[in-house]
């Protein structure tokens, strides 16, 4: 049996970064639209789609930080309202 060798903090940080990136940027509908627009030479459309996706993610992050999850558990009708508005 071989001993587990410790890794440096740099390697651990890089592994964590790559794992986080693989979880944060999976191929999906937004990535598909961006790739399609980029392949057709519509760079502005692709960048605007990316910007919209980032704004949406930042909105959810802000709500999570502010404790919106606790609020939404107490008022499930608010989830439906957010779906209609969004």
PDB file of N, CA and C in Angstrom:
ATOM      1  N   UNK A   1       0.841  -1.165   0.000  1.00  0.00           N
ATOM      2  CA  UNK A   1       0.000   0.000   0.000  1.00  0.00           C
ATOM      3  C   UNK A   1       0.892   1.237   0.000  1.00  0.00           C
ATOM      4  N   UNK A   2       0.584   2.181  -0.847  1.00  0.00           N
ATOM      5  CA  UNK A   2       1.402   3.392  -0.935  1.00  0.00           C
ATOM      6  C   UNK A   2       0.782   4.495  -0.091  1.00  0.00           C
ATOM      7  N   UNK A   3       1.616   5.330   0.430  1.00  0.00           N
ATOM      8  CA  UNK A   3       1.154   6.445   1.249  1.00  0.00           C
ATOM      9  C   UNK A   3       0.643   7.574   0.347  1.00  0.00           C
ATOM     10  N   UNK A   4      -0.314   8.296   0.859  1.00  0.00           N
ATOM     11  CA  UNK A   4      -0.839   9.444   0.120  1.00  0.00           C
ATOM     12  C   UNK A   4       0.137  10.598   0.296  1.00  0.00           C
ATOM     13  N   UNK A   5       0.600  11.120  -0.808  1.00  0.00           N
ATOM     14  CA  UNK A   5       1.556  12.220  -0.726  1.00  0.00           C
ATOM     15  C   UNK A   5       0.809  13.543  -0.661  1.00  0.00           C
ATOM     16  N   UNK A   6       1.236  14.440   0.221  1.00  0.00           N
ATOM     17  CA  UNK A   6       0.560  15.739   0.312  1.00  0.00           C
ATOM     18  C   UNK A   6       0.845  16.577  -0.928  1.00  0.00           C
ATOM     19  N   UNK A   7      -0.121  17.392  -1.294  1.00  0.00           N
ATOM     20  CA  UNK A   7       0.071  18.274  -2.438  1.00  0.00           C
ATOM     21  C   UNK A   7       0.235  19.699  -1.930  1.00  0.00           C
ATOM     22  N   UNK A   8       0.823  20.515  -2.755  1.00  0.00           N
ATOM     23  CA  UNK A   8       1.047  21.898  -2.345  1.00  0.00           C
ATOM     24  C   UNK A   8      -0.274  22.674  -2.400  1.00  0.00           C
ATOM     25  N   UNK A   9      -0.289  23.802  -1.729  1.00  0.00           N
ATOM     26  CA  UNK A   9      -1.483  24.651  -1.717  1.00  0.00           C
ATOM     27  C   UNK A   9      -1.797  25.140  -3.121  1.00  0.00           C
ATOM     28  N   UNK A  10      -0.776  25.366  -3.923  1.00  0.00           N
ATOM     29  CA  UNK A  10      -0.975  25.830  -5.307  1.00  0.00           C
ATOM     30  C   UNK A  10      -1.742  24.780  -6.118  1.00  0.00           C
ATOM     31  N   UNK A  11      -1.360  23.520  -5.982  1.00  0.00           N
ATOM     32  CA  UNK A  11      -2.050  22.452  -6.712  1.00  0.00           C
ATOM     33  C   UNK A  11      -3.486  22.274  -6.211  1.00  0.00           C
ATOM     34  N   UNK A  12      -3.669  22.397  -4.913  1.00  0.00           N
ATOM     35  CA  UNK A  12      -5.020  22.275  -4.363  1.00  0.00           C
ATOM     36  C   UNK A  12      -5.906  23.418  -4.844  1.00  0.00           C
ATOM     37  N   UNK A  13      -5.368  24.637  -4.887  1.00  0.00           N
ATOM     38  CA  UNK A  13      -6.142  25.791  -5.366  1.00  0.00           C
ATOM     39  C   UNK A  13      -6.485  25.630  -6.841  1.00  0.00           C
ATOM     40  N   UNK A  14      -5.539  25.169  -7.635  1.00  0.00           N
ATOM     41  CA  UNK A  14      -5.793  24.963  -9.062  1.00  0.00           C
ATOM     42  C   UNK A  14      -6.848  23.882  -9.276  1.00  0.00           C
ATOM     43  N   UNK A  15      -6.763  22.810  -8.507  1.00  0.00           N
ATOM     44  CA  UNK A  15      -7.760  21.737  -8.625  1.00  0.00           C
ATOM     45  C   UNK A  15      -9.143  22.255  -8.236  1.00  0.00           C
ATOM     46  N   UNK A  16      -9.212  23.065  -7.168  1.00  0.00           N
ATOM     47  CA  UNK A  16     -10.486  23.649  -6.758  1.00  0.00           C
ATOM     48  C   UNK A  16     -11.039  24.600  -7.802  1.00  0.00           C
ATOM     49  N   UNK A  17     -10.159  25.389  -8.410  1.00  0.00           N
ATOM     50  CA  UNK A  17     -10.577  26.314  -9.461  1.00  0.00           C
ATOM     51  C   UNK A  17     -11.158  25.560 -10.655  1.00  0.00           C
ATOM     52  N   UNK A  18     -10.472  24.520 -11.068  1.00  0.00           N
ATOM     53  CA  UNK A  18     -10.955  23.736 -12.209  1.00  0.00           C
ATOM     54  C   UNK A  18     -12.267  23.028 -11.889  1.00  0.00           C
ATOM     55  N   UNK A  19     -12.395  22.513 -10.682  1.00  0.00           N
ATOM     56  CA  UNK A  19     -13.642  21.869 -10.293  1.00  0.00           C
ATOM     57  C   UNK A  19     -14.785  22.886 -10.268  1.00  0.00           C
ATOM     58  N   UNK A  20     -14.533  24.059  -9.698  1.00  0.00           N
ATOM     59  CA  UNK A  20     -15.554  25.106  -9.664  1.00  0.00           C
ATOM     60  C   UNK A  20     -15.950  25.552 -11.058  1.00  0.00           C
ATOM     61  N   UNK A  21     -14.982  25.704 -11.942  1.00  0.00           N
ATOM     62  CA  UNK A  21     -15.283  26.101 -13.313  1.00  0.00           C
ATOM     63  C   UNK A  21     -16.107  25.041 -14.032  1.00  0.00           C
ATOM     64  N   UNK A  22     -15.777  23.780 -13.805  1.00  0.00           N
ATOM     65  CA  UNK A  22     -16.537  22.715 -14.469  1.00  0.00           C
ATOM     66  C   UNK A  22     -17.978  22.660 -13.972  1.00  0.00           C
ATOM     67  N   UNK A  23     -18.207  23.063 -12.726  1.00  0.00           N
ATOM     68  CA  UNK A  23     -19.563  23.071 -12.192  1.00  0.00           C
ATOM     69  C   UNK A  23     -20.317  24.349 -12.575  1.00  0.00           C
ATOM     70  N   UNK A  24     -19.599  25.449 -12.726  1.00  0.00           N
ATOM     71  CA  UNK A  24     -20.239  26.738 -12.995  1.00  0.00           C
ATOM     72  C   UNK A  24     -20.526  26.954 -14.477  1.00  0.00           C
ATOM     73  N   UNK A  25     -19.807  26.308 -15.345  1.00  0.00           N
ATOM     74  CA  UNK A  25     -19.970  26.564 -16.776  1.00  0.00           C
ATOM     75  C   UNK A  25     -20.295  25.301 -17.559  1.00  0.00           C
ATOM     76  N   UNK A  26     -21.346  24.576 -17.169  1.00  0.00           N
ATOM     77  CA  UNK A  26     -21.689  23.388 -17.959  1.00  0.00           C
ATOM     78  C   UNK A  26     -22.357  23.808 -19.265  1.00  0.00           C
ATOM     79  N   UNK A  27     -22.221  22.993 -20.283  1.00  0.00           N
ATOM     80  CA  UNK A  27     -22.904  23.334 -21.530  1.00  0.00           C
ATOM     81  C   UNK A  27     -24.414  23.272 -21.322  1.00  0.00           C
ATOM     82  N   UNK A  28     -25.085  24.268 -21.779  1.00  0.00           N
ATOM     83  CA  UNK A  28     -26.534  24.353 -21.623  1.00  0.00           C
ATOM     84  C   UNK A  28     -27.117  25.246 -22.697  1.00  0.00           C
ATOM     85  N   UNK A  29     -28.359  25.664 -22.536  1.00  0.00           N
ATOM     86  CA  UNK A  29     -29.004  26.468 -23.573  1.00  0.00           C
ATOM     87  C   UNK A  29     -28.310  27.813 -23.805  1.00  0.00           C
ATOM     88  N   UNK A  30     -27.858  28.467 -22.758  1.00  0.00           N
ATOM     89  CA  UNK A  30     -27.193  29.766 -22.934  1.00  0.00           C
ATOM     90  C   UNK A  30     -25.882  29.580 -23.676  1.00  0.00           C
ATOM     91  N   UNK A  31     -25.117  28.563 -23.294  1.00  0.00           N
ATOM     92  CA  UNK A  31     -23.848  28.295 -23.968  1.00  0.00           C
ATOM     93  C   UNK A  31     -24.085  27.944 -25.436  1.00  0.00           C
ATOM     94  N   UNK A  32     -25.166  27.225 -25.716  1.00  0.00           N
ATOM     95  CA  UNK A  32     -25.483  26.842 -27.091  1.00  0.00           C
ATOM     96  C   UNK A  32     -25.804  28.071 -27.933  1.00  0.00           C
ATOM     97  N   UNK A  33     -26.606  28.976 -27.388  1.00  0.00           N
ATOM     98  CA  UNK A  33     -26.957  30.195 -28.126  1.00  0.00           C
ATOM     99  C   UNK A  33     -25.716  31.045 -28.363  1.00  0.00           C
ATOM    100  N   UNK A  34     -24.868  31.148 -27.343  1.00  0.00           N
ATOM    101  CA  UNK A  34     -23.642  31.930 -27.499  1.00  0.00           C
ATOM    102  C   UNK A  34     -22.726  31.320 -28.560  1.00  0.00           C
ATOM    103  N   UNK A  35     -22.566  30.013 -28.549  1.00  0.00           N
ATOM    104  CA  UNK A  35     -21.707  29.355 -29.532  1.00  0.00           C
ATOM    105  C   UNK A  35     -22.277  29.508 -30.941  1.00  0.00           C
ATOM    106  N   UNK A  36     -23.592  29.372 -31.061  1.00  0.00           N
ATOM    107  CA  UNK A  36     -24.233  29.507 -32.363  1.00  0.00           C
ATOM    108  C   UNK A  36     -24.039  30.916 -32.918  1.00  0.00           C
ATOM    109  N   UNK A  37     -24.253  31.921 -32.074  1.00  0.00           N
ATOM    110  CA  UNK A  37     -24.089  33.306 -32.522  1.00  0.00           C
ATOM    111  C   UNK A  37     -22.630  33.595 -32.870  1.00  0.00           C
ATOM    112  N   UNK A  38     -21.710  33.063 -32.073  1.00  0.00           N
ATOM    113  CA  UNK A  38     -20.286  33.296 -32.345  1.00  0.00           C
ATOM    114  C   UNK A  38     -19.852  32.660 -33.658  1.00  0.00           C
ATOM    115  N   UNK A  39     -20.344  31.453 -33.926  1.00  0.00           N
ATOM    116  CA  UNK A  39     -19.968  30.781 -35.172  1.00  0.00           C
ATOM    117  C   UNK A  39     -20.517  31.499 -36.398  1.00  0.00           C
ATOM    118  N   UNK A  40     -21.604  32.216 -36.223  1.00  0.00           N
ATOM    119  CA  UNK A  40     -22.201  32.951 -37.345  1.00  0.00           C
ATOM    120  C   UNK A  40     -21.649  34.373 -37.457  1.00  0.00           C
ATOM    121  N   UNK A  41     -20.670  34.697 -36.613  1.00  0.00           N
ATOM    122  CA  UNK A  41     -20.027  35.999 -36.700  1.00  0.00           C
ATOM    123  C   UNK A  41     -20.768  37.113 -35.979  1.00  0.00           C
ATOM    124  N   UNK A  42     -21.715  36.755 -35.125  1.00  0.00           N
ATOM    125  CA  UNK A  42     -22.479  37.770 -34.384  1.00  0.00           C
ATOM    126  C   UNK A  42     -21.912  37.882 -32.971  1.00  0.00           C
ATOM    127  N   UNK A  43     -20.771  38.522 -32.872  1.00  0.00           N
ATOM    128  CA  UNK A  43     -20.065  38.637 -31.609  1.00  0.00           C
ATOM    129  C   UNK A  43     -20.865  39.449 -30.593  1.00  0.00           C
ATOM    130  N   UNK A  44     -21.486  40.540 -31.046  1.00  0.00           N
ATOM    131  CA  UNK A  44     -22.245  41.391 -30.128  1.00  0.00           C
ATOM    132  C   UNK A  44     -23.405  40.617 -29.501  1.00  0.00           C
ATOM    133  N   UNK A  45     -24.122  39.828 -30.298  1.00  0.00           N
ATOM    134  CA  UNK A  45     -25.230  39.023 -29.781  1.00  0.00           C
ATOM    135  C   UNK A  45     -24.730  38.001 -28.760  1.00  0.00           C
ATOM    136  N   UNK A  46     -23.601  37.385 -29.052  1.00  0.00           N
ATOM    137  CA  UNK A  46     -23.034  36.403 -28.143  1.00  0.00           C
ATOM    138  C   UNK A  46     -22.619  37.051 -26.825  1.00  0.00           C
ATOM    139  N   UNK A  47     -21.984  38.214 -26.880  1.00  0.00           N
ATOM    140  CA  UNK A  47     -21.562  38.911 -25.667  1.00  0.00           C
ATOM    141  C   UNK A  47     -22.759  39.399 -24.856  1.00  0.00           C
ATOM    142  N   UNK A  48     -23.802  39.852 -25.528  1.00  0.00           N
ATOM    143  CA  UNK A  48     -24.999  40.295 -24.812  1.00  0.00           C
ATOM    144  C   UNK A  48     -25.682  39.118 -24.117  1.00  0.00           C
ATOM    145  N   UNK A  49     -25.673  37.965 -24.741  1.00  0.00           N
ATOM    146  CA  UNK A  49     -26.234  36.770 -24.111  1.00  0.00           C
ATOM    147  C   UNK A  49     -25.415  36.399 -22.877  1.00  0.00           C
ATOM    148  N   UNK A  50     -24.093  36.468 -22.986  1.00  0.00           N
ATOM    149  CA  UNK A  50     -23.236  36.176 -21.840  1.00  0.00           C
ATOM    150  C   UNK A  50     -23.481  37.184 -20.718  1.00  0.00           C
ATOM    151  N   UNK A  51     -23.597  38.459 -21.074  1.00  0.00           N
ATOM    152  CA  UNK A  51     -23.842  39.496 -20.074  1.00  0.00           C
ATOM    153  C   UNK A  51     -25.181  39.268 -19.371  1.00  0.00           C
ATOM    154  N   UNK A  52     -26.206  38.925 -20.123  1.00  0.00           N
ATOM    155  CA  UNK A  52     -27.510  38.644 -19.528  1.00  0.00           C
ATOM    156  C   UNK A  52     -27.461  37.460 -18.581  1.00  0.00           C
ATOM    157  N   UNK A  53     -26.726  36.444 -18.955  1.00  0.00           N
ATOM    158  CA  UNK A  53     -26.579  35.277 -18.095  1.00  0.00           C
ATOM    159  C   UNK A  53     -25.837  35.633 -16.808  1.00  0.00           C
ATOM    160  N   UNK A  54     -24.804  36.450 -16.924  1.00  0.00           N
ATOM    161  CA  UNK A  54     -24.044  36.869 -15.743  1.00  0.00           C
ATOM    162  C   UNK A  54     -24.913  37.705 -14.823  1.00  0.00           C
ATOM    163  N   UNK A  55     -25.709  38.610 -15.390  1.00  0.00           N
ATOM    164  CA  UNK A  55     -26.599  39.443 -14.564  1.00  0.00           C
ATOM    165  C   UNK A  55     -27.611  38.562 -13.828  1.00  0.00           C
ATOM    166  N   UNK A  56     -28.150  37.570 -14.507  1.00  0.00           N
ATOM    167  CA  UNK A  56     -29.088  36.655 -13.859  1.00  0.00           C
ATOM    168  C   UNK A  56     -28.442  35.890 -12.718  1.00  0.00           C
ATOM    169  N   UNK A  57     -27.224  35.394 -12.953  1.00  0.00           N
ATOM    170  CA  UNK A  57     -26.513  34.666 -11.900  1.00  0.00           C
ATOM    171  C   UNK A  57     -26.189  35.573 -10.718  1.00  0.00           C
ATOM    172  N   UNK A  58     -25.776  36.800 -10.996  1.00  0.00           N
ATOM    173  CA  UNK A  58     -25.480  37.743  -9.916  1.00  0.00           C
ATOM    174  C   UNK A  58     -26.732  38.120  -9.131  1.00  0.00           C
ATOM    175  N   UNK A  59     -27.867  38.178  -9.821  1.00  0.00           N
ATOM    176  CA  UNK A  59     -29.131  38.463  -9.132  1.00  0.00           C
ATOM    177  C   UNK A  59     -29.447  37.357  -8.136  1.00  0.00           C
ATOM    178  N   UNK A  60     -29.327  36.097  -8.583  1.00  0.00           N
ATOM    179  CA  UNK A  60     -29.594  34.977  -7.687  1.00  0.00           C
ATOM    180  C   UNK A  60     -28.585  34.926  -6.555  1.00  0.00           C
ATOM    181  N   UNK A  61     -27.325  35.240  -6.829  1.00  0.00           N
ATOM    182  CA  UNK A  61     -26.305  35.270  -5.781  1.00  0.00           C
ATOM    183  C   UNK A  61     -26.639  36.327  -4.735  1.00  0.00           C
ATOM    184  N   UNK A  62     -27.040  37.510  -5.187  1.00  0.00           N
ATOM    185  CA  UNK A  62     -27.402  38.583  -4.262  1.00  0.00           C
ATOM    186  C   UNK A  62     -28.594  38.194  -3.401  1.00  0.00           C
ATOM    187  N   UNK A  63     -29.604  37.594  -4.025  1.00  0.00           N
ATOM    188  CA  UNK A  63     -30.767  37.151  -3.258  1.00  0.00           C
ATOM    189  C   UNK A  63     -30.391  36.089  -2.232  1.00  0.00           C
ATOM    190  N   UNK A  64     -29.503  35.192  -2.620  1.00  0.00           N
ATOM    191  CA  UNK A  64     -29.078  34.145  -1.683  1.00  0.00           C
ATOM    192  C   UNK A  64     -28.305  34.742  -0.518  1.00  0.00           C
ATOM    193  N   UNK A  65     -27.444  35.704  -0.800  1.00  0.00           N
ATOM    194  CA  UNK A  65     -26.671  36.331   0.266  1.00  0.00           C
ATOM    195  C   UNK A  65     -27.584  37.101   1.212  1.00  0.00           C
ATOM    196  N   UNK A  66     -28.604  37.737   0.682  1.00  0.00           N
ATOM    197  CA  UNK A  66     -29.504  38.532   1.505  1.00  0.00           C
ATOM    198  C   UNK A  66     -30.524  37.689   2.266  1.00  0.00           C
ATOM    199  N   UNK A  67     -30.521  36.394   2.067  1.00  0.00           N
ATOM    200  CA  UNK A  67     -31.415  35.515   2.816  1.00  0.00           C
ATOM    201  C   UNK A  67     -32.759  35.295   2.156  1.00  0.00           C
ATOM    202  N   UNK A  68     -32.814  35.421   0.859  1.00  0.00           N
ATOM    203  CA  UNK A  68     -34.076  35.239   0.154  1.00  0.00           C
ATOM    204  C   UNK A  68     -34.581  33.806   0.245  1.00  0.00           C
ATOM    205  N   UNK A  69     -33.687  32.851   0.433  1.00  0.00           N
ATOM    206  CA  UNK A  69     -34.099  31.451   0.511  1.00  0.00           C
ATOM    207  C   UNK A  69     -35.029  31.244   1.703  1.00  0.00           C
ATOM    208  N   UNK A  70     -34.697  31.842   2.822  1.00  0.00           N
ATOM    209  CA  UNK A  70     -35.547  31.736   4.009  1.00  0.00           C
ATOM    210  C   UNK A  70     -36.912  32.353   3.745  1.00  0.00           C
ATOM    211  N   UNK A  71     -36.921  33.497   3.082  1.00  0.00           N
ATOM    212  CA  UNK A  71     -38.181  34.159   2.738  1.00  0.00           C
ATOM    213  C   UNK A  71     -39.009  33.289   1.794  1.00  0.00           C
ATOM    214  N   UNK A  72     -38.353  32.722   0.772  1.00  0.00           N
ATOM    215  CA  UNK A  72     -39.082  31.934  -0.217  1.00  0.00           C
ATOM    216  C   UNK A  72     -39.630  30.637   0.370  1.00  0.00           C
ATOM    217  N   UNK A  73     -38.984  30.092   1.387  1.00  0.00           N
ATOM    218  CA  UNK A  73     -39.524  28.908   2.055  1.00  0.00           C
ATOM    219  C   UNK A  73     -40.805  29.252   2.807  1.00  0.00           C
ATOM    220  N   UNK A  74     -40.856  30.455   3.340  1.00  0.00           N
ATOM    221  CA  UNK A  74     -42.027  30.884   4.096  1.00  0.00           C
ATOM    222  C   UNK A  74     -43.187  31.284   3.186  1.00  0.00           C
ATOM    223  N   UNK A  75     -42.876  31.788   2.004  1.00  0.00           N
ATOM    224  CA  UNK A  75     -43.901  32.275   1.073  1.00  0.00           C
ATOM    225  C   UNK A  75     -43.713  31.641  -0.302  1.00  0.00           C
ATOM    226  N   UNK A  76     -44.202  30.416  -0.500  1.00  0.00           N
ATOM    227  CA  UNK A  76     -43.997  29.746  -1.783  1.00  0.00           C
ATOM    228  C   UNK A  76     -44.680  30.441  -2.964  1.00  0.00           C
ATOM    229  N   UNK A  77     -45.709  31.231  -2.696  1.00  0.00           N
ATOM    230  CA  UNK A  77     -46.352  31.946  -3.803  1.00  0.00           C
ATOM    231  C   UNK A  77     -45.392  32.947  -4.439  1.00  0.00           C
ATOM    232  N   UNK A  78     -44.409  33.396  -3.676  1.00  0.00           N
ATOM    233  CA  UNK A  78     -43.437  34.355  -4.213  1.00  0.00           C
ATOM    234  C   UNK A  78     -42.581  33.716  -5.306  1.00  0.00           C
ATOM    235  N   UNK A  79     -42.346  32.409  -5.198  1.00  0.00           N
ATOM    236  CA  UNK A  79     -41.575  31.708  -6.222  1.00  0.00           C
ATOM    237  C   UNK A  79     -42.332  31.749  -7.551  1.00  0.00           C
ATOM    238  N   UNK A  80     -43.626  31.498  -7.502  1.00  0.00           N
ATOM    239  CA  UNK A  80     -44.444  31.565  -8.709  1.00  0.00           C
ATOM    240  C   UNK A  80     -44.485  32.970  -9.298  1.00  0.00           C
ATOM    241  N   UNK A  81     -44.570  33.960  -8.431  1.00  0.00           N
ATOM    242  CA  UNK A  81     -44.572  35.348  -8.902  1.00  0.00           C
ATOM    243  C   UNK A  81     -43.248  35.693  -9.574  1.00  0.00           C
ATOM    244  N   UNK A  82     -42.154  35.246  -8.981  1.00  0.00           N
ATOM    245  CA  UNK A  82     -40.845  35.499  -9.593  1.00  0.00           C
ATOM    246  C   UNK A  82     -40.723  34.808 -10.951  1.00  0.00           C
ATOM    247  N   UNK A  83     -41.301  33.627 -11.063  1.00  0.00           N
ATOM    248  CA  UNK A  83     -41.277  32.928 -12.348  1.00  0.00           C
ATOM    249  C   UNK A  83     -42.063  33.670 -13.419  1.00  0.00           C
ATOM    250  N   UNK A  84     -43.198  34.239 -13.037  1.00  0.00           N
ATOM    251  CA  UNK A  84     -43.988  34.996 -14.003  1.00  0.00           C
ATOM    252  C   UNK A  84     -43.292  36.288 -14.404  1.00  0.00           C
ATOM    253  N   UNK A  85     -42.721  36.974 -13.428  1.00  0.00           N
ATOM    254  CA  UNK A  85     -42.045  38.236 -13.710  1.00  0.00           C
ATOM    255  C   UNK A  85     -40.780  37.996 -14.535  1.00  0.00           C
ATOM    256  N   UNK A  86     -40.058  36.943 -14.185  1.00  0.00           N
ATOM    257  CA  UNK A  86     -38.786  36.663 -14.869  1.00  0.00           C
ATOM    258  C   UNK A  86     -38.999  36.180 -16.258  1.00  0.00           C
TER     259      UNK A  86
END
